[in-house]
Amino acid sequence: AARELFFADPYHVGITLIRLTVAVG
Protein backbone atom coordinates (compact mmCIF):
# COMPACT_ATOMS: atom_id res chain seq x y z
CA ALA A 1 0.00 0.00 0.00
CA ALA A 2 2.87 2.38 0.76
CA ARG A 3 4.40 1.79 -2.69
CA GLU A 4 1.01 2.39 -4.29
CA LEU A 5 0.51 5.64 -2.40
CA PHE A 6 4.05 6.84 -3.06
CA PHE A 7 3.59 6.63 -6.81
CA ALA A 8 -0.08 7.66 -6.88
CA ASP A 9 -0.22 10.57 -4.38
CA PRO A 10 3.03 12.58 -4.50
CA TYR A 11 0.94 15.72 -5.00
CA HIS A 12 -0.73 15.30 -1.61
CA VAL A 13 2.61 14.71 0.08
CA GLY A 14 4.02 17.89 -1.44
CA ILE A 15 0.99 19.93 -0.40
CA THR A 16 1.31 18.76 3.21
CA LEU A 17 5.05 19.50 3.31
CA ILE A 18 4.53 23.01 1.90
CA ARG A 19 1.79 23.75 4.43
CA LEU A 20 3.95 22.48 7.27
CA THR A 21 7.05 24.41 6.18
CA VAL A 22 5.25 27.71 5.69
CA ALA A 23 3.32 27.49 8.95
CA VAL A 24 6.35 26.55 11.05
CA GLY A 25 8.49 29.25 9.42
mmCIF file of all heavy atoms, coordinates in Angstrom:
data_MODEL
# 
_entry.id   MODEL 
# 
loop_
_atom_site.group_PDB 
_atom_site.id 
_atom_site.type_symbol 
_atom_site.label_atom_id 
_atom_site.label_alt_id 
_atom_site.label_comp_id 
_atom_site.label_asym_id 
_atom_site.label_entity_id 
_atom_site.label_seq_id 
_atom_site.pdbx_PDB_ins_code 
_atom_site.Cartn_x 
_atom_site.Cartn_y 
_atom_site.Cartn_z 
_atom_site.occupancy 
_atom_site.B_iso_or_equiv 
_atom_site.pdbx_formal_charge 
_atom_site.auth_seq_id 
_atom_site.auth_comp_id 
_atom_site.auth_asym_id 
_atom_site.auth_atom_id 
_atom_site.pdbx_PDB_model_num 
ATOM 1   N N   . ALA A 1 1  ? 0.830  -1.208 0.000  1.00 0.00 ? 1  ALA A N   1 
ATOM 2   C CA  . ALA A 1 1  ? 0.000  0.000  0.000  1.00 0.00 ? 1  ALA A CA  1 
ATOM 3   C C   . ALA A 1 1  ? 0.863  1.257  0.000  1.00 0.00 ? 1  ALA A C   1 
ATOM 4   O O   . ALA A 1 1  ? 0.534  2.250  -0.652 1.00 0.00 ? 1  ALA A O   1 
ATOM 5   C CB  . ALA A 1 1  ? -0.932 -0.007 1.208  1.00 0.00 ? 1  ALA A CB  1 
ATOM 6   N N   . ALA A 1 2  ? 1.980  1.218  0.724  1.00 0.00 ? 2  ALA A N   1 
ATOM 7   C CA  . ALA A 1 2  ? 2.874  2.375  0.757  1.00 0.00 ? 2  ALA A CA  1 
ATOM 8   C C   . ALA A 1 2  ? 3.474  2.649  -0.614 1.00 0.00 ? 2  ALA A C   1 
ATOM 9   O O   . ALA A 1 2  ? 3.583  3.809  -1.043 1.00 0.00 ? 2  ALA A O   1 
ATOM 10  C CB  . ALA A 1 2  ? 3.977  2.144  1.791  1.00 0.00 ? 2  ALA A CB  1 
ATOM 11  N N   . ARG A 1 3  ? 3.872  1.597  -1.331 1.00 0.00 ? 3  ARG A N   1 
ATOM 12  C CA  . ARG A 1 3  ? 4.401  1.788  -2.685 1.00 0.00 ? 3  ARG A CA  1 
ATOM 13  C C   . ARG A 1 3  ? 3.332  2.355  -3.614 1.00 0.00 ? 3  ARG A C   1 
ATOM 14  O O   . ARG A 1 3  ? 3.607  3.242  -4.434 1.00 0.00 ? 3  ARG A O   1 
ATOM 15  C CB  . ARG A 1 3  ? 4.917  0.461  -3.228 1.00 0.00 ? 3  ARG A CB  1 
ATOM 16  C CG  . ARG A 1 3  ? 6.136  -0.089 -2.506 1.00 0.00 ? 3  ARG A CG  1 
ATOM 17  C CD  . ARG A 1 3  ? 6.575  -1.415 -3.094 1.00 0.00 ? 3  ARG A CD  1 
ATOM 18  N NE  . ARG A 1 3  ? 6.872  -1.284 -4.528 1.00 0.00 ? 3  ARG A NE  1 
ATOM 19  C CZ  . ARG A 1 3  ? 7.159  -2.317 -5.312 1.00 0.00 ? 3  ARG A CZ  1 
ATOM 20  N NH1 . ARG A 1 3  ? 7.184  -3.541 -4.809 1.00 0.00 ? 3  ARG A NH1 1 
ATOM 21  N NH2 . ARG A 1 3  ? 7.421  -2.119 -6.594 1.00 0.00 ? 3  ARG A NH2 1 
ATOM 22  N N   . GLU A 1 4  ? 2.107  1.876  -3.468 1.00 0.00 ? 4  GLU A N   1 
ATOM 23  C CA  . GLU A 1 4  ? 1.012  2.389  -4.292 1.00 0.00 ? 4  GLU A CA  1 
ATOM 24  C C   . GLU A 1 4  ? 0.765  3.866  -4.023 1.00 0.00 ? 4  GLU A C   1 
ATOM 25  O O   . GLU A 1 4  ? 0.599  4.675  -4.951 1.00 0.00 ? 4  GLU A O   1 
ATOM 26  C CB  . GLU A 1 4  ? -0.246 1.581  -4.001 1.00 0.00 ? 4  GLU A CB  1 
ATOM 27  C CG  . GLU A 1 4  ? -1.496 2.089  -4.729 1.00 0.00 ? 4  GLU A CG  1 
ATOM 28  C CD  . GLU A 1 4  ? -2.752 1.355  -4.289 1.00 0.00 ? 4  GLU A CD  1 
ATOM 29  O OE1 . GLU A 1 4  ? -2.619 0.352  -3.551 1.00 0.00 ? 4  GLU A OE1 1 
ATOM 30  O OE2 . GLU A 1 4  ? -3.850 1.790  -4.672 1.00 0.00 ? 4  GLU A OE2 1 
ATOM 31  N N   . LEU A 1 5  ? 0.763  4.248  -2.751 1.00 0.00 ? 5  LEU A N   1 
ATOM 32  C CA  . LEU A 1 5  ? 0.509  5.644  -2.398 1.00 0.00 ? 5  LEU A CA  1 
ATOM 33  C C   . LEU A 1 5  ? 1.669  6.542  -2.811 1.00 0.00 ? 5  LEU A C   1 
ATOM 34  O O   . LEU A 1 5  ? 1.465  7.691  -3.202 1.00 0.00 ? 5  LEU A O   1 
ATOM 35  C CB  . LEU A 1 5  ? 0.259  5.756  -0.896 1.00 0.00 ? 5  LEU A CB  1 
ATOM 36  C CG  . LEU A 1 5  ? -1.003 5.067  -0.365 1.00 0.00 ? 5  LEU A CG  1 
ATOM 37  C CD1 . LEU A 1 5  ? -1.046 5.144  1.149  1.00 0.00 ? 5  LEU A CD1 1 
ATOM 38  C CD2 . LEU A 1 5  ? -2.245 5.685  -0.967 1.00 0.00 ? 5  LEU A CD2 1 
ATOM 39  N N   . PHE A 1 6  ? 2.882  6.019  -2.720 1.00 0.00 ? 6  PHE A N   1 
ATOM 40  C CA  . PHE A 1 6  ? 4.045  6.837  -3.057 1.00 0.00 ? 6  PHE A CA  1 
ATOM 41  C C   . PHE A 1 6  ? 4.028  7.236  -4.521 1.00 0.00 ? 6  PHE A C   1 
ATOM 42  O O   . PHE A 1 6  ? 4.376  8.368  -4.872 1.00 0.00 ? 6  PHE A O   1 
ATOM 43  C CB  . PHE A 1 6  ? 5.330  6.075  -2.729 1.00 0.00 ? 6  PHE A CB  1 
ATOM 44  C CG  . PHE A 1 6  ? 6.579  6.843  -3.055 1.00 0.00 ? 6  PHE A CG  1 
ATOM 45  C CD1 . PHE A 1 6  ? 7.028  7.842  -2.207 1.00 0.00 ? 6  PHE A CD1 1 
ATOM 46  C CD2 . PHE A 1 6  ? 7.293  6.570  -4.208 1.00 0.00 ? 6  PHE A CD2 1 
ATOM 47  C CE1 . PHE A 1 6  ? 8.180  8.548  -2.523 1.00 0.00 ? 6  PHE A CE1 1 
ATOM 48  C CE2 . PHE A 1 6  ? 8.437  7.272  -4.523 1.00 0.00 ? 6  PHE A CE2 1 
ATOM 49  C CZ  . PHE A 1 6  ? 8.886  8.262  -3.671 1.00 0.00 ? 6  PHE A CZ  1 
ATOM 50  N N   . PHE A 1 7  ? 3.617  6.330  -5.387 1.00 0.00 ? 7  PHE A N   1 
ATOM 51  C CA  . PHE A 1 7  ? 3.593  6.635  -6.813 1.00 0.00 ? 7  PHE A CA  1 
ATOM 52  C C   . PHE A 1 7  ? 2.288  7.302  -7.254 1.00 0.00 ? 7  PHE A C   1 
ATOM 53  O O   . PHE A 1 7  ? 2.250  7.973  -8.281 1.00 0.00 ? 7  PHE A O   1 
ATOM 54  C CB  . PHE A 1 7  ? 3.808  5.352  -7.625 1.00 0.00 ? 7  PHE A CB  1 
ATOM 55  C CG  . PHE A 1 7  ? 5.189  4.798  -7.513 1.00 0.00 ? 7  PHE A CG  1 
ATOM 56  C CD1 . PHE A 1 7  ? 5.440  3.667  -6.763 1.00 0.00 ? 7  PHE A CD1 1 
ATOM 57  C CD2 . PHE A 1 7  ? 6.251  5.417  -8.158 1.00 0.00 ? 7  PHE A CD2 1 
ATOM 58  C CE1 . PHE A 1 7  ? 6.721  3.153  -6.653 1.00 0.00 ? 7  PHE A CE1 1 
ATOM 59  C CE2 . PHE A 1 7  ? 7.541  4.904  -8.057 1.00 0.00 ? 7  PHE A CE2 1 
ATOM 60  C CZ  . PHE A 1 7  ? 7.772  3.771  -7.299 1.00 0.00 ? 7  PHE A CZ  1 
ATOM 61  N N   . ALA A 1 8  ? 1.219  7.124  -6.469 1.00 0.00 ? 8  ALA A N   1 
ATOM 62  C CA  . ALA A 1 8  ? -0.079 7.658  -6.880 1.00 0.00 ? 8  ALA A CA  1 
ATOM 63  C C   . ALA A 1 8  ? -0.373 9.023  -6.284 1.00 0.00 ? 8  ALA A C   1 
ATOM 64  O O   . ALA A 1 8  ? -1.107 9.810  -6.877 1.00 0.00 ? 8  ALA A O   1 
ATOM 65  C CB  . ALA A 1 8  ? -1.199 6.681  -6.488 1.00 0.00 ? 8  ALA A CB  1 
ATOM 66  N N   . ASP A 1 9  ? 0.161  9.341  -5.094 1.00 0.00 ? 9  ASP A N   1 
ATOM 67  C CA  . ASP A 1 9  ? -0.224 10.567 -4.385 1.00 0.00 ? 9  ASP A CA  1 
ATOM 68  C C   . ASP A 1 9  ? 0.964  11.449 -4.013 1.00 0.00 ? 9  ASP A C   1 
ATOM 69  O O   . ASP A 1 9  ? 1.019  11.989 -2.897 1.00 0.00 ? 9  ASP A O   1 
ATOM 70  C CB  . ASP A 1 9  ? -0.997 10.198 -3.106 1.00 0.00 ? 9  ASP A CB  1 
ATOM 71  C CG  . ASP A 1 9  ? -2.325 9.524  -3.391 1.00 0.00 ? 9  ASP A CG  1 
ATOM 72  O OD1 . ASP A 1 9  ? -2.875 9.784  -4.467 1.00 0.00 ? 9  ASP A OD1 1 
ATOM 73  O OD2 . ASP A 1 9  ? -2.786 8.744  -2.547 1.00 0.00 ? 9  ASP A OD2 1 
ATOM 74  N N   . PRO A 1 10 ? 1.948  11.660 -4.880 1.00 0.00 ? 10 PRO A N   1 
ATOM 75  C CA  . PRO A 1 10 ? 3.035  12.580 -4.500 1.00 0.00 ? 10 PRO A CA  1 
ATOM 76  C C   . PRO A 1 10 ? 2.546  14.013 -4.362 1.00 0.00 ? 10 PRO A C   1 
ATOM 77  O O   . PRO A 1 10 ? 3.133  14.805 -3.611 1.00 0.00 ? 10 PRO A O   1 
ATOM 78  C CB  . PRO A 1 10 ? 4.044  12.419 -5.642 1.00 0.00 ? 10 PRO A CB  1 
ATOM 79  C CG  . PRO A 1 10 ? 3.227  11.968 -6.805 1.00 0.00 ? 10 PRO A CG  1 
ATOM 80  C CD  . PRO A 1 10 ? 2.145  11.108 -6.227 1.00 0.00 ? 10 PRO A CD  1 
ATOM 81  N N   . TYR A 1 11 ? 1.482  14.368 -5.088 1.00 0.00 ? 11 TYR A N   1 
ATOM 82  C CA  . TYR A 1 11 ? 0.943  15.718 -4.996 1.00 0.00 ? 11 TYR A CA  1 
ATOM 83  C C   . TYR A 1 11 ? 0.470  16.024 -3.579 1.00 0.00 ? 11 TYR A C   1 
ATOM 84  O O   . TYR A 1 11 ? 0.734  17.107 -3.042 1.00 0.00 ? 11 TYR A O   1 
ATOM 85  C CB  . TYR A 1 11 ? -0.204 15.871 -5.992 1.00 0.00 ? 11 TYR A CB  1 
ATOM 86  C CG  . TYR A 1 11 ? -1.004 17.141 -5.828 1.00 0.00 ? 11 TYR A CG  1 
ATOM 87  C CD1 . TYR A 1 11 ? -0.488 18.363 -6.254 1.00 0.00 ? 11 TYR A CD1 1 
ATOM 88  C CD2 . TYR A 1 11 ? -2.269 17.118 -5.249 1.00 0.00 ? 11 TYR A CD2 1 
ATOM 89  C CE1 . TYR A 1 11 ? -1.222 19.538 -6.101 1.00 0.00 ? 11 TYR A CE1 1 
ATOM 90  C CE2 . TYR A 1 11 ? -3.005 18.279 -5.099 1.00 0.00 ? 11 TYR A CE2 1 
ATOM 91  C CZ  . TYR A 1 11 ? -2.479 19.476 -5.519 1.00 0.00 ? 11 TYR A CZ  1 
ATOM 92  O OH  . TYR A 1 11 ? -3.202 20.629 -5.361 1.00 0.00 ? 11 TYR A OH  1 
ATOM 93  N N   . HIS A 1 12 ? -0.211 15.072 -2.960 1.00 0.00 ? 12 HIS A N   1 
ATOM 94  C CA  . HIS A 1 12 ? -0.728 15.297 -1.608 1.00 0.00 ? 12 HIS A CA  1 
ATOM 95  C C   . HIS A 1 12 ? 0.409  15.395 -0.593 1.00 0.00 ? 12 HIS A C   1 
ATOM 96  O O   . HIS A 1 12 ? 0.329  16.173 0.360  1.00 0.00 ? 12 HIS A O   1 
ATOM 97  C CB  . HIS A 1 12 ? -1.681 14.159 -1.235 1.00 0.00 ? 12 HIS A CB  1 
ATOM 98  C CG  . HIS A 1 12 ? -2.891 14.083 -2.120 1.00 0.00 ? 12 HIS A CG  1 
ATOM 99  N ND1 . HIS A 1 12 ? -3.996 14.887 -1.939 1.00 0.00 ? 12 HIS A ND1 1 
ATOM 100 C CD2 . HIS A 1 12 ? -3.161 13.307 -3.200 1.00 0.00 ? 12 HIS A CD2 1 
ATOM 101 C CE1 . HIS A 1 12 ? -4.901 14.600 -2.863 1.00 0.00 ? 12 HIS A CE1 1 
ATOM 102 N NE2 . HIS A 1 12 ? -4.419 13.650 -3.632 1.00 0.00 ? 12 HIS A NE2 1 
ATOM 103 N N   . VAL A 1 13 ? 1.459  14.619 -0.806 1.00 0.00 ? 13 VAL A N   1 
ATOM 104 C CA  . VAL A 1 13 ? 2.614  14.714 0.083  1.00 0.00 ? 13 VAL A CA  1 
ATOM 105 C C   . VAL A 1 13 ? 3.261  16.090 -0.032 1.00 0.00 ? 13 VAL A C   1 
ATOM 106 O O   . VAL A 1 13 ? 3.600  16.725 0.980  1.00 0.00 ? 13 VAL A O   1 
ATOM 107 C CB  . VAL A 1 13 ? 3.631  13.605 -0.250 1.00 0.00 ? 13 VAL A CB  1 
ATOM 108 C CG1 . VAL A 1 13 ? 4.899  13.766 0.588  1.00 0.00 ? 13 VAL A CG1 1 
ATOM 109 C CG2 . VAL A 1 13 ? 3.010  12.236 -0.009 1.00 0.00 ? 13 VAL A CG2 1 
ATOM 110 N N   . GLY A 1 14 ? 3.440  16.575 -1.251 1.00 0.00 ? 14 GLY A N   1 
ATOM 111 C CA  . GLY A 1 14 ? 4.023  17.894 -1.442 1.00 0.00 ? 14 GLY A CA  1 
ATOM 112 C C   . GLY A 1 14 ? 3.189  18.998 -0.832 1.00 0.00 ? 14 GLY A C   1 
ATOM 113 O O   . GLY A 1 14 ? 3.729  19.940 -0.220 1.00 0.00 ? 14 GLY A O   1 
ATOM 114 N N   . ILE A 1 15 ? 1.868  18.912 -0.970 1.00 0.00 ? 15 ILE A N   1 
ATOM 115 C CA  . ILE A 1 15 ? 0.990  19.934 -0.398 1.00 0.00 ? 15 ILE A CA  1 
ATOM 116 C C   . ILE A 1 15 ? 1.139  19.973 1.123  1.00 0.00 ? 15 ILE A C   1 
ATOM 117 O O   . ILE A 1 15 ? 1.242  21.051 1.737  1.00 0.00 ? 15 ILE A O   1 
ATOM 118 C CB  . ILE A 1 15 ? -0.477 19.654 -0.789 1.00 0.00 ? 15 ILE A CB  1 
ATOM 119 C CG1 . ILE A 1 15 ? -0.692 19.960 -2.269 1.00 0.00 ? 15 ILE A CG1 1 
ATOM 120 C CG2 . ILE A 1 15 ? -1.440 20.472 0.060  1.00 0.00 ? 15 ILE A CG2 1 
ATOM 121 C CD1 . ILE A 1 15 ? -0.556 21.421 -2.627 1.00 0.00 ? 15 ILE A CD1 1 
ATOM 122 N N   . THR A 1 16 ? 1.165  18.802 1.748  1.00 0.00 ? 16 THR A N   1 
ATOM 123 C CA  . THR A 1 16 ? 1.312  18.765 3.208  1.00 0.00 ? 16 THR A CA  1 
ATOM 124 C C   . THR A 1 16 ? 2.652  19.329 3.649  1.00 0.00 ? 16 THR A C   1 
ATOM 125 O O   . THR A 1 16 ? 2.731  20.081 4.639  1.00 0.00 ? 16 THR A O   1 
ATOM 126 C CB  . THR A 1 16 ? 1.151  17.318 3.704  1.00 0.00 ? 16 THR A CB  1 
ATOM 127 O OG1 . THR A 1 16 ? -0.152 16.836 3.364  1.00 0.00 ? 16 THR A OG1 1 
ATOM 128 C CG2 . THR A 1 16 ? 1.329  17.238 5.210  1.00 0.00 ? 16 THR A CG2 1 
ATOM 129 N N   . LEU A 1 17 ? 3.730  18.994 2.937  1.00 0.00 ? 17 LEU A N   1 
ATOM 130 C CA  . LEU A 1 17 ? 5.054  19.504 3.307  1.00 0.00 ? 17 LEU A CA  1 
ATOM 131 C C   . LEU A 1 17 ? 5.127  21.021 3.147  1.00 0.00 ? 17 LEU A C   1 
ATOM 132 O O   . LEU A 1 17 ? 5.727  21.708 3.983  1.00 0.00 ? 17 LEU A O   1 
ATOM 133 C CB  . LEU A 1 17 ? 6.119  18.822 2.458  1.00 0.00 ? 17 LEU A CB  1 
ATOM 134 C CG  . LEU A 1 17 ? 6.348  17.330 2.721  1.00 0.00 ? 17 LEU A CG  1 
ATOM 135 C CD1 . LEU A 1 17 ? 7.406  16.783 1.780  1.00 0.00 ? 17 LEU A CD1 1 
ATOM 136 C CD2 . LEU A 1 17 ? 6.750  17.101 4.168  1.00 0.00 ? 17 LEU A CD2 1 
ATOM 137 N N   . ILE A 1 18 ? 4.519  21.550 2.093  1.00 0.00 ? 18 ILE A N   1 
ATOM 138 C CA  . ILE A 1 18 ? 4.529  23.006 1.898  1.00 0.00 ? 18 ILE A CA  1 
ATOM 139 C C   . ILE A 1 18 ? 3.746  23.684 3.018  1.00 0.00 ? 18 ILE A C   1 
ATOM 140 O O   . ILE A 1 18 ? 4.187  24.704 3.590  1.00 0.00 ? 18 ILE A O   1 
ATOM 141 C CB  . ILE A 1 18 ? 3.951  23.354 0.523  1.00 0.00 ? 18 ILE A CB  1 
ATOM 142 C CG1 . ILE A 1 18 ? 4.887  22.877 -0.583 1.00 0.00 ? 18 ILE A CG1 1 
ATOM 143 C CG2 . ILE A 1 18 ? 3.719  24.862 0.400  1.00 0.00 ? 18 ILE A CG2 1 
ATOM 144 C CD1 . ILE A 1 18 ? 4.334  23.055 -1.982 1.00 0.00 ? 18 ILE A CD1 1 
ATOM 145 N N   . ARG A 1 19 ? 2.580  23.175 3.334  1.00 0.00 ? 19 ARG A N   1 
ATOM 146 C CA  . ARG A 1 19 ? 1.791  23.751 4.427  1.00 0.00 ? 19 ARG A CA  1 
ATOM 147 C C   . ARG A 1 19 ? 2.568  23.728 5.732  1.00 0.00 ? 19 ARG A C   1 
ATOM 148 O O   . ARG A 1 19 ? 2.581  24.714 6.486  1.00 0.00 ? 19 ARG A O   1 
ATOM 149 C CB  . ARG A 1 19 ? 0.479  22.985 4.571  1.00 0.00 ? 19 ARG A CB  1 
ATOM 150 C CG  . ARG A 1 19 ? -0.514 23.198 3.441  1.00 0.00 ? 19 ARG A CG  1 
ATOM 151 C CD  . ARG A 1 19 ? -1.641 22.188 3.515  1.00 0.00 ? 19 ARG A CD  1 
ATOM 152 N NE  . ARG A 1 19 ? -2.691 22.471 2.535  1.00 0.00 ? 19 ARG A NE  1 
ATOM 153 C CZ  . ARG A 1 19 ? -3.669 21.626 2.235  1.00 0.00 ? 19 ARG A CZ  1 
ATOM 154 N NH1 . ARG A 1 19 ? -3.734 20.436 2.842  1.00 0.00 ? 19 ARG A NH1 1 
ATOM 155 N NH2 . ARG A 1 19 ? -4.582 21.952 1.335  1.00 0.00 ? 19 ARG A NH2 1 
ATOM 156 N N   . LEU A 1 20 ? 3.206  22.611 6.020  1.00 0.00 ? 20 LEU A N   1 
ATOM 157 C CA  . LEU A 1 20 ? 3.953  22.476 7.272  1.00 0.00 ? 20 LEU A CA  1 
ATOM 158 C C   . LEU A 1 20 ? 5.132  23.440 7.316  1.00 0.00 ? 20 LEU A C   1 
ATOM 159 O O   . LEU A 1 20 ? 5.365  24.107 8.340  1.00 0.00 ? 20 LEU A O   1 
ATOM 160 C CB  . LEU A 1 20 ? 4.433  21.032 7.410  1.00 0.00 ? 20 LEU A CB  1 
ATOM 161 C CG  . LEU A 1 20 ? 5.174  20.657 8.684  1.00 0.00 ? 20 LEU A CG  1 
ATOM 162 C CD1 . LEU A 1 20 ? 4.254  20.764 9.891  1.00 0.00 ? 20 LEU A CD1 1 
ATOM 163 C CD2 . LEU A 1 20 ? 5.741  19.247 8.580  1.00 0.00 ? 20 LEU A CD2 1 
ATOM 164 N N   . THR A 1 21 ? 5.877  23.538 6.215  1.00 0.00 ? 21 THR A N   1 
ATOM 165 C CA  . THR A 1 21 ? 7.052  24.408 6.185  1.00 0.00 ? 21 THR A CA  1 
ATOM 166 C C   . THR A 1 21 ? 6.676  25.869 6.345  1.00 0.00 ? 21 THR A C   1 
ATOM 167 O O   . THR A 1 21 ? 7.296  26.607 7.136  1.00 0.00 ? 21 THR A O   1 
ATOM 168 C CB  . THR A 1 21 ? 7.819  24.197 4.870  1.00 0.00 ? 21 THR A CB  1 
ATOM 169 O OG1 . THR A 1 21 ? 8.170  22.820 4.731  1.00 0.00 ? 21 THR A OG1 1 
ATOM 170 C CG2 . THR A 1 21 ? 9.072  25.053 4.838  1.00 0.00 ? 21 THR A CG2 1 
ATOM 171 N N   . VAL A 1 22 ? 5.666  26.304 5.612  1.00 0.00 ? 22 VAL A N   1 
ATOM 172 C CA  . VAL A 1 22 ? 5.251  27.712 5.686  1.00 0.00 ? 22 VAL A CA  1 
ATOM 173 C C   . VAL A 1 22 ? 4.737  28.050 7.078  1.00 0.00 ? 22 VAL A C   1 
ATOM 174 O O   . VAL A 1 22 ? 5.098  29.090 7.671  1.00 0.00 ? 22 VAL A O   1 
ATOM 175 C CB  . VAL A 1 22 ? 4.187  28.006 4.613  1.00 0.00 ? 22 VAL A CB  1 
ATOM 176 C CG1 . VAL A 1 22 ? 3.615  29.406 4.792  1.00 0.00 ? 22 VAL A CG1 1 
ATOM 177 C CG2 . VAL A 1 22 ? 4.783  27.857 3.218  1.00 0.00 ? 22 VAL A CG2 1 
ATOM 178 N N   . ALA A 1 23 ? 3.908  27.201 7.641  1.00 0.00 ? 23 ALA A N   1 
ATOM 179 C CA  . ALA A 1 23 ? 3.322  27.486 8.952  1.00 0.00 ? 23 ALA A CA  1 
ATOM 180 C C   . ALA A 1 23 ? 4.388  27.524 10.036 1.00 0.00 ? 23 ALA A C   1 
ATOM 181 O O   . ALA A 1 23 ? 4.393  28.435 10.881 1.00 0.00 ? 23 ALA A O   1 
ATOM 182 C CB  . ALA A 1 23 ? 2.259  26.449 9.280  1.00 0.00 ? 23 ALA A CB  1 
ATOM 183 N N   . VAL A 1 24 ? 5.309  26.560 10.031 1.00 0.00 ? 24 VAL A N   1 
ATOM 184 C CA  . VAL A 1 24 ? 6.355  26.546 11.055 1.00 0.00 ? 24 VAL A CA  1 
ATOM 185 C C   . VAL A 1 24 ? 7.286  27.748 10.884 1.00 0.00 ? 24 VAL A C   1 
ATOM 186 O O   . VAL A 1 24 ? 7.692  28.372 11.878 1.00 0.00 ? 24 VAL A O   1 
ATOM 187 C CB  . VAL A 1 24 ? 7.144  25.224 10.988 1.00 0.00 ? 24 VAL A CB  1 
ATOM 188 C CG1 . VAL A 1 24 ? 8.360  25.274 11.912 1.00 0.00 ? 24 VAL A CG1 1 
ATOM 189 C CG2 . VAL A 1 24 ? 6.253  24.053 11.385 1.00 0.00 ? 24 VAL A CG2 1 
ATOM 190 N N   . GLY A 1 25 ? 7.622  28.099 9.639  1.00 0.00 ? 25 GLY A N   1 
ATOM 191 C CA  . GLY A 1 25 ? 8.491  29.249 9.419  1.00 0.00 ? 25 GLY A CA  1 
ATOM 192 C C   . GLY A 1 25 ? 7.883  30.557 9.891  1.00 0.00 ? 25 GLY A C   1 
ATOM 193 O O   . GLY A 1 25 ? 8.543  31.356 10.567 1.00 0.00 ? 25 GLY A O   1 
# 
